C-alpha atoms as a PDB file:
ATOM      1  CA  SER A   1     123.783 110.299   8.144  1.00  0.00           C
ATOM      2  CA  ASN A   2     127.266 111.280  10.064  1.00  0.00           C
ATOM      3  CA  ASN A   3     126.379 114.974   9.836  1.00  0.00           C
ATOM      4  CA  VAL A   4     124.690 116.655  12.587  1.00  0.00           C
ATOM      5  CA  PRO A   5     123.249 120.313  11.767  1.00  0.00           C
ATOM      6  CA  GLY A   6     125.664 122.869  13.765  1.00  0.00           C
ATOM      7  CA  PHE A   7     128.274 120.304  14.350  1.00  0.00           C
ATOM      8  CA  GLU A   8     131.343 119.644  12.861  1.00  0.00           C
ATOM      9  CA  MET A   9     132.688 115.891  12.749  1.00  0.00           C
ATOM     10  CA  ALA A  10     136.138 115.278  13.828  1.00  0.00           C
ATOM     11  CA  VAL A  11     137.629 111.924  12.865  1.00  0.00           C
ATOM     12  CA  TYR A  12     140.631 110.571  14.479  1.00  0.00           C
ATOM     13  CA  PRO A  13     142.673 108.507  12.124  1.00  0.00           C
ATOM     14  CA  ASP A  14     144.306 106.171  14.609  1.00  0.00           C
ATOM     15  CA  SER A  15     140.965 105.475  16.313  1.00  0.00           C
ATOM     16  CA  ASP A  16     137.496 104.303  15.678  1.00  0.00           C
ATOM     17  CA  HIS A  17     136.226 106.923  17.626  1.00  0.00           C
ATOM     18  CA  SER A  18     134.641 110.408  16.246  1.00  0.00           C
ATOM     19  CA  ILE A  19     133.637 113.410  18.510  1.00  0.00           C
ATOM     20  CA  TYR A  20     131.234 116.201  17.811  1.00  0.00           C
ATOM     21  CA  THR A  21     132.230 119.590  18.826  1.00  0.00           C
ATOM     22  CA  HIS A  22     129.683 122.454  18.682  1.00  0.00           C
ATOM     23  CA  GLY A  23     130.646 124.461  15.722  1.00  0.00           C
ATOM     24  CA  VAL A  24     134.310 124.379  16.719  1.00  0.00           C
ATOM     25  CA  ARG A  25     137.122 123.025  14.424  1.00  0.00           C
ATOM     26  CA  PRO A  26     139.103 120.282  16.136  1.00  0.00           C
ATOM     27  CA  ALA A  27     142.557 122.036  16.241  1.00  0.00           C
ATOM     28  CA  LEU A  28     140.919 125.114  17.887  1.00  0.00           C
ATOM     29  CA  TYR A  29     139.036 122.770  20.316  1.00  0.00           C
ATOM     30  CA  ALA A  30     142.194 120.857  21.191  1.00  0.00           C
ATOM     31  CA  ARG A  31     143.963 124.165  21.976  1.00  0.00           C
ATOM     32  CA  MET A  32     141.077 125.379  24.310  1.00  0.00           C
ATOM     33  CA  VAL A  33     141.322 122.109  26.316  1.00  0.00           C
ATOM     34  CA  ASN A  34     144.844 122.332  26.477  1.00  0.00           C
ATOM     35  CA  PHE A  35     144.596 126.120  27.800  1.00  0.00           C
ATOM     36  CA  LEU A  36     142.380 124.998  30.258  1.00  0.00           C
ATOM     37  CA  PHE A  37     144.375 122.100  31.514  1.00  0.00           C
ATOM     38  CA  ARG A  38     147.377 124.165  32.046  1.00  0.00           C
ATOM     39  CA  SER A  39     145.660 126.955  33.431  1.00  0.00           C
ATOM     40  CA  PHE A  40     143.947 124.739  35.971  1.00  0.00           C
ATOM     41  CA  HIS A  41     147.287 123.158  36.758  1.00  0.00           C
ATOM     42  CA  GLU A  42     149.028 126.663  37.175  1.00  0.00           C
ATOM     43  CA  LEU A  43     146.318 127.539  39.442  1.00  0.00           C
ATOM     44  CA  GLU A  44     146.465 124.375  41.543  1.00  0.00           C
ATOM     45  CA  ASN A  45     150.438 124.835  41.868  1.00  0.00           C
ATOM     46  CA  LYS A  46     150.532 128.483  42.189  1.00  0.00           C
ATOM     47  CA  GLU A  47     152.836 129.926  44.911  1.00  0.00           C
ATOM     48  CA  ARG A  48     151.466 131.488  47.730  1.00  0.00           C
ATOM     49  CA  PHE A  49     152.293 135.126  48.561  1.00  0.00           C
ATOM     50  CA  ILE A  50     151.367 135.476  52.197  1.00  0.00           C
ATOM     51  CA  SER A  51     153.649 137.873  53.702  1.00  0.00           C
ATOM     52  CA  ASP A  52     155.930 136.678  56.553  1.00  0.00           C
ATOM     53  CA  HIS A  53     154.167 139.271  58.847  1.00  0.00           C
ATOM     54  CA  ALA A  54     150.773 138.257  58.153  1.00  0.00           C
ATOM     55  CA  LYS A  55     151.937 134.446  58.548  1.00  0.00           C
ATOM     56  CA  SER A  56     153.342 135.435  62.031  1.00  0.00           C
ATOM     57  CA  LEU A  57     150.277 137.110  63.338  1.00  0.00           C
ATOM     58  CA  ILE A  58     147.695 134.170  61.909  1.00  0.00           C
ATOM     59  CA  ASP A  59     149.895 131.428  63.198  1.00  0.00           C
ATOM     60  CA  ASN A  60     150.071 133.076  66.665  1.00  0.00           C
ATOM     61  CA  ALA A  61     146.484 133.532  66.931  1.00  0.00           C
ATOM     62  CA  VAL A  62     145.628 130.195  65.789  1.00  0.00           C
ATOM     63  CA  LYS A  63     148.162 128.484  67.973  1.00  0.00           C
ATOM     64  CA  GLN A  64     147.641 130.728  71.187  1.00  0.00           C
ATOM     65  CA  ASN A  65     143.914 130.603  71.371  1.00  0.00           C
ATOM     66  CA  ALA A  66     141.471 127.897  71.993  1.00  0.00           C
ATOM     67  CA  LEU A  67     138.904 129.664  69.800  1.00  0.00           C
ATOM     68  CA  VAL A  68     139.698 132.374  67.210  1.00  0.00           C
ATOM     69  CA  VAL A  69     137.635 133.945  64.919  1.00  0.00           C
ATOM     70  CA  PHE A  70     139.190 136.103  61.578  1.00  0.00           C
ATOM     71  CA  MET A  71     136.350 138.403  61.258  1.00  0.00           C
ATOM     72  CA  LYS A  72     135.419 141.939  60.232  1.00  0.00           C
ATOM     73  CA  GLY A  73     135.129 144.203  63.406  1.00  0.00           C
ATOM     74  CA  THR A  74     135.523 142.466  66.998  1.00  0.00           C
ATOM     75  CA  PRO A  75     133.284 140.059  68.748  1.00  0.00           C
ATOM     76  CA  ASP A  76     131.927 143.293  70.896  1.00  0.00           C
ATOM     77  CA  GLU A  77     131.369 145.247  67.511  1.00  0.00           C
ATOM     78  CA  PRO A  78     131.042 143.002  64.365  1.00  0.00           C
ATOM     79  CA  MET A  79     131.183 144.906  61.241  1.00  0.00           C
ATOM     80  CA  CYS A  80     129.392 142.403  58.729  1.00  0.00           C
ATOM     81  CA  GLY A  81     126.481 140.472  59.080  1.00  0.00           C
ATOM     82  CA  PHE A  82     128.198 137.223  58.638  1.00  0.00           C
ATOM     83  CA  SER A  83     130.793 137.942  61.312  1.00  0.00           C
ATOM     84  CA  ARG A  84     127.908 139.031  63.644  1.00  0.00           C
ATOM     85  CA  ALA A  85     126.332 135.575  63.023  1.00  0.00           C
ATOM     86  CA  VAL A  86     129.137 133.761  63.725  1.00  0.00           C
ATOM     87  CA  ILE A  87     129.433 135.388  67.092  1.00  0.00           C
ATOM     88  CA  GLN A  88     125.994 135.093  67.848  1.00  0.00           C
ATOM     89  CA  ILE A  89     126.042 131.310  67.269  1.00  0.00           C
ATOM     90  CA  LEU A  90     129.028 130.902  69.598  1.00  0.00           C
ATOM     91  CA  GLN A  91     127.468 132.997  72.081  1.00  0.00           C
ATOM     92  CA  MET A  92     124.337 131.015  71.912  1.00  0.00           C
ATOM     93  CA  HIS A  93     126.151 127.881  72.757  1.00  0.00           C
ATOM     94  CA  GLY A  94     127.685 129.611  75.865  1.00  0.00           C
ATOM     95  CA  VAL A  95     131.336 130.310  74.543  1.00  0.00           C
ATOM     96  CA  ASP A  96     132.370 133.045  76.983  1.00  0.00           C
ATOM     97  CA  GLU A  97     135.738 133.897  75.609  1.00  0.00           C
ATOM     98  CA  ILE A  98     136.163 134.455  71.886  1.00  0.00           C
ATOM     99  CA  THR A  99     139.298 136.031  70.629  1.00  0.00           C
ATOM    100  CA  GLY A 100     138.736 138.168  67.399  1.00  0.00           C
ATOM    101  CA  VAL A 101     141.304 139.192  65.070  1.00  0.00           C
ATOM    102  CA  ASP A 102     139.860 142.392  63.022  1.00  0.00           C
ATOM    103  CA  CYS A 103     140.746 141.591  59.342  1.00  0.00           C
ATOM    104  CA  LEU A 104     139.933 145.181  58.738  1.00  0.00           C
ATOM    105  CA  GLN A 105     142.784 146.539  60.552  1.00  0.00           C
ATOM    106  CA  ASP A 106     145.279 144.915  58.397  1.00  0.00           C
ATOM    107  CA  PRO A 107     144.944 144.371  54.578  1.00  0.00           C
ATOM    108  CA  GLU A 108     147.806 141.945  54.791  1.00  0.00           C
ATOM    109  CA  VAL A 109     146.064 139.870  57.437  1.00  0.00           C
ATOM    110  CA  ARG A 110     142.778 140.216  55.477  1.00  0.00           C
ATOM    111  CA  GLU A 111     144.311 138.691  52.298  1.00  0.00           C
ATOM    112  CA  GLY A 112     146.813 136.421  54.020  1.00  0.00           C
ATOM    113  CA  ILE A 113     143.882 134.494  55.997  1.00  0.00           C
ATOM    114  CA  LYS A 114     142.298 133.479  52.607  1.00  0.00           C
ATOM    115  CA  GLU A 115     145.513 132.139  51.550  1.00  0.00           C
ATOM    116  CA  TYR A 116     146.592 130.425  55.011  1.00  0.00           C
ATOM    117  CA  THR A 117     143.199 128.330  54.822  1.00  0.00           C
ATOM    118  CA  ASP A 118     142.566 128.410  51.012  1.00  0.00           C
ATOM    119  CA  TRP A 119     139.091 129.568  52.110  1.00  0.00           C
ATOM    120  CA  PRO A 120     137.979 132.757  50.269  1.00  0.00           C
ATOM    121  CA  THR A 121     135.594 134.523  52.695  1.00  0.00           C
ATOM    122  CA  ILE A 122     135.882 136.110  56.125  1.00  0.00           C
ATOM    123  CA  PRO A 123     134.855 135.252  59.139  1.00  0.00           C
ATOM    124  CA  GLN A 124     136.882 132.152  59.433  1.00  0.00           C
ATOM    125  CA  VAL A 125     136.947 130.087  62.683  1.00  0.00           C
ATOM    126  CA  TYR A 126     139.648 127.958  64.327  1.00  0.00           C
ATOM    127  CA  VAL A 127     139.218 125.748  67.325  1.00  0.00           C
ATOM    128  CA  LYS A 128     142.339 124.497  68.998  1.00  0.00           C
ATOM    129  CA  GLY A 129     144.401 125.151  65.905  1.00  0.00           C
ATOM    130  CA  GLU A 130     142.208 123.636  63.552  1.00  0.00           C
ATOM    131  CA  PHE A 131     140.217 125.407  60.843  1.00  0.00           C
ATOM    132  CA  ILE A 132     136.546 124.766  61.233  1.00  0.00           C
ATOM    133  CA  GLY A 133     135.072 127.011  58.463  1.00  0.00           C
ATOM    134  CA  GLY A 134     133.014 130.237  57.794  1.00  0.00           C
ATOM    135  CA  CYS A 135     129.678 131.544  58.601  1.00  0.00           C
ATOM    136  CA  ASP A 136     127.969 128.949  56.248  1.00  0.00           C
ATOM    137  CA  VAL A 137     129.845 126.000  58.183  1.00  0.00           C
ATOM    138  CA  MET A 138     129.031 127.446  61.410  1.00  0.00           C
ATOM    139  CA  VAL A 139     125.468 127.658  60.780  1.00  0.00           C
ATOM    140  CA  GLN A 140     125.155 124.135  59.488  1.00  0.00           C
ATOM    141  CA  MET A 141     127.168 122.820  62.412  1.00  0.00           C
ATOM    142  CA  HIS A 142     124.862 124.714  64.704  1.00  0.00           C
ATOM    143  CA  GLN A 143     121.548 123.179  63.026  1.00  0.00           C
ATOM    144  CA  SER A 144     122.819 119.617  63.095  1.00  0.00           C
ATOM    145  CA  GLY A 145     124.412 119.569  66.621  1.00  0.00           C
ATOM    146  CA  GLU A 146     127.993 119.102  65.488  1.00  0.00           C
ATOM    147  CA  LEU A 147     128.875 122.538  66.991  1.00  0.00           C
ATOM    148  CA  HIS A 148     127.961 121.515  70.353  1.00  0.00           C
ATOM    149  CA  GLU A 149     129.762 118.151  70.314  1.00  0.00           C
ATOM    150  CA  LEU A 150     132.778 120.018  68.940  1.00  0.00           C
ATOM    151  CA  LEU A 151     132.925 122.739  71.492  1.00  0.00           C
ATOM    152  CA  VAL A 152     132.246 119.834  74.426  1.00  0.00           C
ATOM    153  CA  LYS A 153     134.927 117.769  72.890  1.00  0.00           C
ATOM    154  CA  GLU A 154     137.596 120.298  72.615  1.00  0.00           C
ATOM    155  CA  LYS A 155     136.354 121.365  76.408  1.00  0.00           C
ATOM    156  CA  LEU A 156     135.281 125.051  75.478  1.00  0.00           C
ATOM    157  CA  LEU A 157     131.888 123.895  77.111  1.00  0.00           C
ATOM    158  CA  ASP A 158     130.684 121.781  79.630  1.00  0.00           C
ATOM    159  CA  GLU A 159     128.723 118.830  78.614  1.00  0.00           C
ATOM    160  CA  GLU A 160     125.587 120.015  80.297  1.00  0.00           C
ATOM    161  CA  THR A 161     125.653 123.421  78.366  1.00  0.00           C
ATOM    162  CA  ASN A 162     123.001 123.424  75.812  1.00  0.00           C
ATOM    163  CA  PRO A 163     122.403 126.189  73.391  1.00  0.00           C
ATOM    164  CA  GLU A 164     119.303 128.422  73.648  1.00  0.00           C
ATOM    165  CA  PRO A 165     116.513 126.860  71.762  1.00  0.00           C
ATOM    166  CA  GLU A 166     115.595 128.461  68.408  1.00  0.00           C
ATOM    167  CA  LYS A 167     112.324 130.735  68.483  1.00  0.00           C
END
């Protein structure tokens, strides 16, 4: 039998293929797919609205510092657990100079940094102008040893410097 309970069968006359849609009429199904495709395409190609002020501040911080963390709070006083974790990981590796940009002080920078990298969360870490990632990426890199390798490669650490062992 060609009928499945709860489904309607859509037959396309130009083809030997049939599709089943879960209780959705074919015309409505086609409109839904078209809407989703258009929405995804618009989202993918949307204009960015980062202000010139925020872009300039972010560009300068990224280009002028070997390591910079866009965070909530400062390296001495992180204002969220994720920012604190990133700072602690860097300090555990022996990084002495951490430049922090407090995103809580400037709403344009707080929103702008997310568009700048197309990364939705704060903190965000940059090494030698390259976006590395957020807290989750830093934790993974720390655990795998990649963070130590990166810091040595970029001459932010001596090769002999080893992170404190985890307890």
